[in-house]
């Protein structure tokens, strides 16, 4: 794909970046196998930030992320930062497969349709990315929500923060102890049936589907802005050196990865900020027990009231620090890993012809 990086400049500076690898160009078996391995490693690296974010969201009072991390390690051991990871990893593999498949298929089909309808390439790419992010998130949540419920129950076992306990609404409903993911799955199923495993599913869709659509669309726009800035920089250099000629700049793979990573971090940080309140409410609903002794778990409205009562509206943003860091780092790592995965999984030229 060629980006005209400085269309309004008198000096024409074209930036040629590697062409987009679409669904038809991928070796599917290699794509899913390598994807499972690569993203399992990414999940293992980022998992402690997810644990810290979850514990802060269900705590009754605000405690700094660093203080919580030191307290957990000192009192519960380093393994507590990976509590529920086995369950999470087990679900991550099929969820990622669904996510990547839906993402690439939707992006390819929608992009082609938008261009055929007469939309410009930048608009078509942005719309295709938004639609792909939306469909990928919805597909992945079919697998990920039950895994999320189980892993989050395991994450919050034990004391939550150095200064305090669980939120009263959580503590009253989350006294059950689990031996492992299978035990948690069985107990949740016995207590609340299949509905218990899909608690927060609607909120998950509302949180992740629009967030993914915004993220992928923002990522596309951010990339064009960054490449445009680079193009303008080289045009300015040409003007300063009194040159007025057509130049073609071909960035190397390191620069391409740097631009992709920076664009991903920008999109990830913005998505974290926008969707944080919904994620906090969803997490609280998912760690609560279901019906027990005739008592039902709180509704969404009751959960919001409890949060506001505990710390005002800013309580909805507890855990924003680790979630912002997690989503920014995860987005940067994910997109560079994902683009690397696509290059590794591209069919040979003979297979494409």
Protein backbone atom coordinates (compact mmCIF):
# COMPACT_ATOMS: atom_id res chain seq x y z
CA UNK A 1 0.00 0.00 0.00
CA UNK A 2 1.46 3.38 -0.99
CA UNK A 3 0.72 6.36 1.18
CA UNK A 4 1.03 9.81 -0.29
CA UNK A 5 2.41 11.35 2.85
CA UNK A 6 2.36 14.99 1.84
CA UNK A 7 -0.35 15.52 -0.72
CA UNK A 8 -0.62 19.25 -0.18
CA UNK A 9 3.10 19.93 -0.32
CA UNK A 10 4.75 21.28 -3.45
CA UNK A 11 7.43 18.63 -3.18
CA UNK A 12 5.98 15.17 -3.67
CA UNK A 13 7.34 12.68 -1.16
CA UNK A 14 5.94 9.17 -1.49
CA UNK A 15 6.31 6.67 1.28
CA UNK A 16 6.15 3.06 0.18
CA UNK A 17 5.31 0.74 3.05
CA UNK A 18 4.79 -3.04 2.76
CA UNK A 19 1.47 -4.06 1.24
CA UNK A 20 -1.37 -5.17 3.50
CA UNK A 21 -1.52 -8.95 3.90
CA UNK A 22 -5.14 -10.01 3.49
CA UNK A 23 -6.96 -13.23 4.40
CA UNK A 24 -6.43 -14.92 1.02
CA UNK A 25 -2.66 -14.53 1.28
CA UNK A 26 -2.37 -16.41 4.60
CA UNK A 27 -1.47 -20.02 5.24
CA UNK A 28 -4.34 -20.67 7.67
CA UNK A 29 -2.84 -23.63 9.59
CA UNK A 30 0.44 -21.77 10.16
CA UNK A 31 -1.47 -18.59 11.03
CA UNK A 32 -3.51 -20.20 13.81
CA UNK A 33 -0.73 -22.44 15.17
CA UNK A 34 1.88 -19.69 15.36
CA UNK A 35 -0.76 -17.26 16.63
CA UNK A 36 -1.61 -19.52 19.56
CA UNK A 37 2.05 -19.80 20.53
CA UNK A 38 2.90 -16.10 20.13
CA UNK A 39 -0.15 -14.73 21.91
CA UNK A 40 0.20 -17.22 24.77
CA UNK A 41 3.59 -15.65 25.43
CA UNK A 42 2.10 -12.14 25.26
CA UNK A 43 -0.67 -13.15 27.69
CA UNK A 44 1.85 -14.56 30.16
CA UNK A 45 3.84 -11.32 30.11
CA UNK A 46 0.86 -9.04 30.69
CA UNK A 47 -1.18 -11.20 33.06
CA UNK A 48 0.07 -9.64 36.35
CA UNK A 49 -1.27 -6.23 35.23
CA UNK A 50 -4.67 -7.83 34.60
CA UNK A 51 -4.64 -9.30 38.13
CA UNK A 52 -3.77 -5.92 39.66
CA UNK A 53 -6.45 -4.16 37.62
CA UNK A 54 -9.09 -6.71 38.66
CA UNK A 55 -8.20 -6.53 42.35
CA UNK A 56 -8.33 -2.75 42.36
CA UNK A 57 -11.72 -2.76 40.67
CA UNK A 58 -13.30 -4.93 43.37
CA UNK A 59 -11.52 -3.31 46.34
CA UNK A 60 -13.51 -1.10 48.70
CA UNK A 61 -10.91 1.66 48.72
CA UNK A 62 -8.32 3.02 46.32
CA UNK A 63 -4.76 1.75 46.77
CA UNK A 64 -1.91 2.47 44.39
CA UNK A 65 -0.99 -0.18 41.86
CA UNK A 66 2.65 -0.45 43.00
CA UNK A 67 1.68 -0.69 46.68
CA UNK A 68 -0.86 -3.42 45.85
CA UNK A 69 1.69 -5.38 43.84
CA UNK A 70 4.29 -5.36 46.64
CA UNK A 71 1.67 -6.30 49.21
CA UNK A 72 0.37 -9.22 47.15
CA UNK A 73 3.87 -10.58 46.55
CA UNK A 74 4.87 -10.18 50.20
CA UNK A 75 1.71 -11.72 51.68
CA UNK A 76 0.54 -14.17 49.01
CA UNK A 77 3.70 -14.87 47.06
CA UNK A 78 4.66 -14.13 43.47
CA UNK A 79 2.36 -16.90 42.21
CA UNK A 80 -0.64 -14.82 43.28
CA UNK A 81 0.06 -12.51 40.34
CA UNK A 82 -0.63 -15.49 38.07
CA UNK A 83 -3.65 -16.85 39.88
CA UNK A 84 -6.15 -18.07 37.28
CA UNK A 85 -3.60 -17.91 34.48
CA UNK A 86 -4.01 -21.57 33.51
CA UNK A 87 -7.74 -21.07 33.03
CA UNK A 88 -7.18 -17.83 31.17
CA UNK A 89 -4.60 -19.39 28.86
CA UNK A 90 -6.85 -22.37 28.10
CA UNK A 91 -9.57 -20.01 26.93
CA UNK A 92 -7.23 -17.58 25.21
CA UNK A 93 -6.25 -20.03 22.47
CA UNK A 94 -9.75 -20.71 21.03
CA UNK A 95 -10.84 -17.12 21.75
CA UNK A 96 -7.83 -15.74 19.86
CA UNK A 97 -8.49 -18.14 16.98
CA UNK A 98 -12.07 -16.89 16.70
CA UNK A 99 -10.89 -13.29 17.05
CA UNK A 100 -8.21 -13.50 14.36
CA UNK A 101 -10.41 -15.42 11.94
CA UNK A 102 -13.36 -13.02 12.27
CA UNK A 103 -11.01 -10.03 12.10
CA UNK A 104 -9.27 -10.99 8.88
CA UNK A 105 -12.36 -12.30 7.07
CA UNK A 106 -14.42 -9.21 7.92
CA UNK A 107 -11.60 -6.79 7.12
CA UNK A 108 -10.98 -8.36 3.72
CA UNK A 109 -14.65 -8.58 2.70
CA UNK A 110 -15.75 -5.18 4.02
CA UNK A 111 -12.68 -3.42 2.60
CA UNK A 112 -13.30 -4.86 -0.86
CA UNK A 113 -17.02 -3.96 -0.69
CA UNK A 114 -16.32 -0.37 0.40
CA UNK A 115 -13.86 0.19 -2.46
CA UNK A 116 -16.34 -1.28 -4.99
CA UNK A 117 -19.01 1.12 -3.67
CA UNK A 118 -16.77 4.05 -4.53
CA UNK A 119 -15.27 4.95 -1.15
CA UNK A 120 -11.70 6.23 -1.13
CA UNK A 121 -8.98 3.86 0.05
CA UNK A 122 -8.38 5.60 3.44
CA UNK A 123 -12.13 5.64 4.20
CA UNK A 124 -12.57 2.03 3.08
CA UNK A 125 -9.63 0.87 5.24
CA UNK A 126 -10.93 2.74 8.31
CA UNK A 127 -14.47 1.37 7.90
CA UNK A 128 -13.18 -2.15 7.27
CA UNK A 129 -10.99 -2.00 10.40
CA UNK A 130 -13.90 -0.76 12.52
CA UNK A 131 -16.24 -3.49 11.26
CA UNK A 132 -13.53 -6.13 11.71
CA UNK A 133 -12.84 -5.07 15.29
CA UNK A 134 -16.55 -5.18 16.10
CA UNK A 135 -17.15 -8.65 14.68
CA UNK A 136 -13.91 -10.07 16.12
CA UNK A 137 -14.76 -8.91 19.66
CA UNK A 138 -18.28 -10.33 19.49
CA UNK A 139 -17.01 -13.71 18.24
CA UNK A 140 -14.28 -13.95 20.87
CA UNK A 141 -16.64 -13.11 23.76
CA UNK A 142 -18.60 -16.32 23.15
CA UNK A 143 -15.56 -18.18 24.50
CA UNK A 144 -13.89 -15.49 26.55
CA UNK A 145 -16.76 -14.47 28.90
CA UNK A 146 -16.96 -17.83 30.76
CA UNK A 147 -13.16 -17.95 30.94
CA UNK A 148 -13.11 -14.37 32.23
CA UNK A 149 -15.67 -15.15 34.94
CA UNK A 150 -13.71 -18.16 36.21
CA UNK A 151 -10.26 -16.56 36.03
CA UNK A 152 -11.43 -13.37 37.74
CA UNK A 153 -12.97 -15.38 40.60
CA UNK A 154 -9.57 -17.01 41.07
CA UNK A 155 -7.75 -13.66 40.84
CA UNK A 156 -9.63 -12.08 43.74
CA UNK A 157 -9.31 -14.97 46.18
CA UNK A 158 -7.52 -13.90 49.33
CA UNK A 159 -7.05 -10.37 50.59
CA UNK A 160 -7.46 -7.75 47.93
CA UNK A 161 -5.34 -4.81 48.92
CA UNK A 162 -2.75 -3.92 51.49
CA UNK A 163 -5.08 -1.56 53.27
CA UNK A 164 -8.40 -3.23 52.97
CA UNK A 165 -10.77 -5.87 51.93
CA UNK A 166 -13.15 -6.65 49.16
CA UNK A 167 -15.99 -4.30 48.43
CA UNK A 168 -18.81 -5.19 50.82
CA UNK A 169 -21.05 -6.17 47.91
CA UNK A 170 -18.35 -8.49 46.58
CA UNK A 171 -17.30 -9.87 49.94
CA UNK A 172 -20.86 -10.80 50.84
CA UNK A 173 -21.21 -12.84 47.68
CA UNK A 174 -17.74 -14.15 46.98
CA UNK A 175 -16.83 -16.21 50.04
CA UNK A 176 -16.65 -19.45 48.08
CA UNK A 177 -13.09 -20.76 47.69
CA UNK A 178 -11.91 -22.54 44.58
CA UNK A 179 -9.15 -25.09 44.26
CA UNK A 180 -8.53 -24.41 40.58
CA UNK A 181 -10.27 -23.41 37.36
CA UNK A 182 -12.15 -26.70 36.99
CA UNK A 183 -13.41 -26.49 40.58
CA UNK A 184 -14.51 -22.89 40.04
CA UNK A 185 -16.26 -23.81 36.79
CA UNK A 186 -18.13 -26.66 38.50
CA UNK A 187 -19.19 -24.59 41.53
CA UNK A 188 -20.36 -21.63 39.43
CA UNK A 189 -22.34 -23.99 37.20
CA UNK A 190 -23.93 -25.71 40.23
CA UNK A 191 -24.75 -22.41 41.93
CA UNK A 192 -26.10 -20.35 39.07
CA UNK A 193 -26.23 -22.60 36.03
CA UNK A 194 -24.90 -21.63 32.58
CA UNK A 195 -26.14 -18.08 33.17
CA UNK A 196 -23.52 -17.68 35.89
CA UNK A 197 -20.72 -18.37 33.42
CA UNK A 198 -22.08 -15.68 31.12
CA UNK A 199 -22.59 -13.04 33.78
CA UNK A 200 -21.57 -9.72 32.29
CA UNK A 201 -21.77 -11.04 28.72
CA UNK A 202 -23.94 -8.14 27.58
CA UNK A 203 -21.63 -5.64 29.25
CA UNK A 204 -18.62 -7.42 27.76
CA UNK A 205 -20.10 -6.95 24.30
CA UNK A 206 -20.87 -3.30 25.07
CA UNK A 207 -17.35 -2.82 26.44
CA UNK A 208 -15.19 -4.76 24.00
CA UNK A 209 -17.11 -4.58 20.72
CA UNK A 210 -17.25 -0.75 20.45
CA UNK A 211 -13.79 -0.54 22.02
CA UNK A 212 -12.37 -2.87 19.38
CA UNK A 213 -14.15 -1.00 16.60
CA UNK A 214 -12.77 2.31 17.90
CA UNK A 215 -9.33 0.79 18.44
CA UNK A 216 -8.93 -0.68 14.95
CA UNK A 217 -10.35 2.42 13.27
CA UNK A 218 -8.12 4.67 15.43
CA UNK A 219 -5.14 2.49 14.69
CA UNK A 220 -5.72 2.89 10.95
CA UNK A 221 -6.11 6.67 11.24
CA UNK A 222 -3.13 6.99 13.61
CA UNK A 223 -0.90 5.11 11.19
CA UNK A 224 -1.81 7.45 8.36
CA UNK A 225 -1.20 10.48 10.57
CA UNK A 226 2.22 9.21 11.64
CA UNK A 227 3.27 8.31 8.10
CA UNK A 228 1.93 11.67 6.95
CA UNK A 229 4.08 13.39 9.56
CA UNK A 230 7.12 11.46 8.40
CA UNK A 231 6.37 12.42 4.81
CA UNK A 232 6.04 16.09 5.73
CA UNK A 233 9.36 15.89 7.60
CA UNK A 234 11.17 14.65 4.50
CA UNK A 235 9.43 17.27 2.33
CA UNK A 236 10.63 19.95 4.74
CA UNK A 237 14.16 18.55 4.49
CA UNK A 238 13.97 18.79 0.71
CA UNK A 239 12.78 22.39 0.91
CA UNK A 240 15.56 23.32 3.32
CA UNK A 241 18.11 21.84 0.93
CA UNK A 242 16.49 23.70 -2.01
CA UNK A 243 15.54 20.45 -3.73
CA UNK A 244 12.27 20.17 -5.60
CA UNK A 245 11.98 16.70 -6.96
CA UNK A 246 9.95 13.53 -6.60
CA UNK A 247 11.43 11.36 -3.87
CA UNK A 248 10.47 7.86 -2.88
CA UNK A 249 11.18 6.76 0.66
CA UNK A 250 11.07 3.05 1.51
CA UNK A 251 11.15 2.55 5.28
CA UNK A 252 12.84 -0.55 6.63
CA UNK A 253 11.06 -3.16 8.75
CA UNK A 254 12.21 -1.56 12.03
CA UNK A 255 10.63 1.78 11.15
CA UNK A 256 7.43 0.08 10.02
CA UNK A 257 7.21 -1.80 13.33
CA UNK A 258 7.96 1.38 15.31
CA UNK A 259 5.14 3.27 13.55
CA UNK A 260 2.74 0.35 14.06
CA UNK A 261 3.64 0.09 17.74
CA UNK A 262 3.30 3.83 18.39
CA UNK A 263 -0.04 3.97 16.58
CA UNK A 264 -1.28 0.95 18.54
CA UNK A 265 -0.28 2.50 21.89
CA UNK A 266 -2.18 5.70 21.05
CA UNK A 267 -5.31 3.74 20.11
CA UNK A 268 -5.03 1.42 23.13
CA UNK A 269 -4.68 4.22 25.68
CA UNK A 270 -7.71 6.05 24.32
CA UNK A 271 -9.83 2.89 24.31
CA UNK A 272 -8.87 2.18 27.94
CA UNK A 273 -9.98 5.64 29.05
CA UNK A 274 -13.31 5.52 27.20
CA UNK A 275 -14.38 2.02 28.30
CA UNK A 276 -13.00 1.99 31.89
CA UNK A 277 -16.33 2.52 33.74
CA UNK A 278 -18.03 -0.29 31.82
CA UNK A 279 -15.09 -2.61 32.48
CA UNK A 280 -15.21 -1.88 36.24
CA UNK A 281 -18.94 -2.62 36.41
CA UNK A 282 -18.50 -5.78 34.34
CA UNK A 283 -15.68 -7.03 36.58
CA UNK A 284 -17.72 -6.50 39.74
CA UNK A 285 -20.67 -8.39 38.30
CA UNK A 286 -18.47 -11.27 37.19
CA UNK A 287 -16.77 -11.87 40.56
CA UNK A 288 -20.04 -12.02 42.48
CA UNK A 289 -21.69 -15.29 43.37
CA UNK A 290 -25.09 -16.01 41.92
CA UNK A 291 -28.26 -16.93 43.73
CA UNK A 292 -27.51 -18.32 47.13
CA UNK A 293 -29.88 -18.76 50.10
CA UNK A 294 -32.56 -16.95 48.15
CA UNK A 295 -30.34 -13.93 47.54
CA UNK A 296 -29.70 -12.72 44.02
CA UNK A 297 -26.57 -10.95 42.89
CA UNK A 298 -26.86 -7.18 42.42
CA UNK A 299 -28.08 -5.69 39.18
CA UNK A 300 -26.08 -3.30 37.02
CA UNK A 301 -27.86 -0.33 38.61
CA UNK A 302 -27.11 -1.59 42.14
CA UNK A 303 -23.47 -2.18 41.21
CA UNK A 304 -23.17 1.40 39.96
CA UNK A 305 -24.80 2.73 43.16
CA UNK A 306 -22.40 0.69 45.29
CA UNK A 307 -19.41 2.05 43.38
CA UNK A 308 -20.58 5.66 43.70
CA UNK A 309 -21.33 5.14 47.41
CA UNK A 310 -17.81 3.79 48.02
CA UNK A 311 -15.84 6.49 46.23
CA UNK A 312 -17.95 8.72 44.03
CA UNK A 313 -17.93 8.51 40.25
CA UNK A 314 -14.14 8.26 40.24
CA UNK A 315 -14.55 4.78 41.78
CA UNK A 316 -15.52 3.67 38.26
CA UNK A 317 -11.94 4.46 37.26
CA UNK A 318 -10.22 2.32 39.89
CA UNK A 319 -7.55 0.28 38.20
CA UNK A 320 -7.24 2.78 35.34
CA UNK A 321 -3.45 2.94 35.75
CA UNK A 322 -2.77 -0.78 35.25
CA UNK A 323 -5.54 -1.04 32.62
CA UNK A 324 -4.13 1.92 30.68
CA UNK A 325 -0.64 0.42 30.90
CA UNK A 326 -1.91 -3.06 30.10
CA UNK A 327 -3.95 -1.96 27.08
CA UNK A 328 -1.23 0.33 25.72
CA UNK A 329 1.53 -2.25 26.16
CA UNK A 330 -0.79 -5.04 25.04
CA UNK A 331 -1.84 -3.07 21.95
CA UNK A 332 1.76 -2.32 21.02
CA UNK A 333 2.88 -5.88 21.66
CA UNK A 334 -0.20 -7.36 20.03
CA UNK A 335 -0.02 -5.39 16.81
CA UNK A 336 3.72 -5.90 16.30
CA UNK A 337 3.30 -9.60 17.11
CA UNK A 338 0.23 -9.80 14.88
CA UNK A 339 1.93 -8.14 11.91
CA UNK A 340 4.95 -10.40 12.43
CA UNK A 341 2.62 -13.41 12.57
CA UNK A 342 0.97 -12.41 9.29
CA UNK A 343 4.34 -12.03 7.57
CA UNK A 344 5.42 -15.44 8.91
CA UNK A 345 2.16 -17.03 7.73
CA UNK A 346 2.10 -15.58 4.21
CA UNK A 347 1.84 -18.15 1.46
CA UNK A 348 4.72 -18.53 -0.94
CA UNK A 349 4.51 -16.71 -4.27
CA UNK A 350 3.95 -20.04 -6.04
CA UNK A 351 0.96 -20.80 -3.84
CA UNK A 352 -0.56 -17.36 -4.49
CA UNK A 353 -0.41 -17.72 -8.29
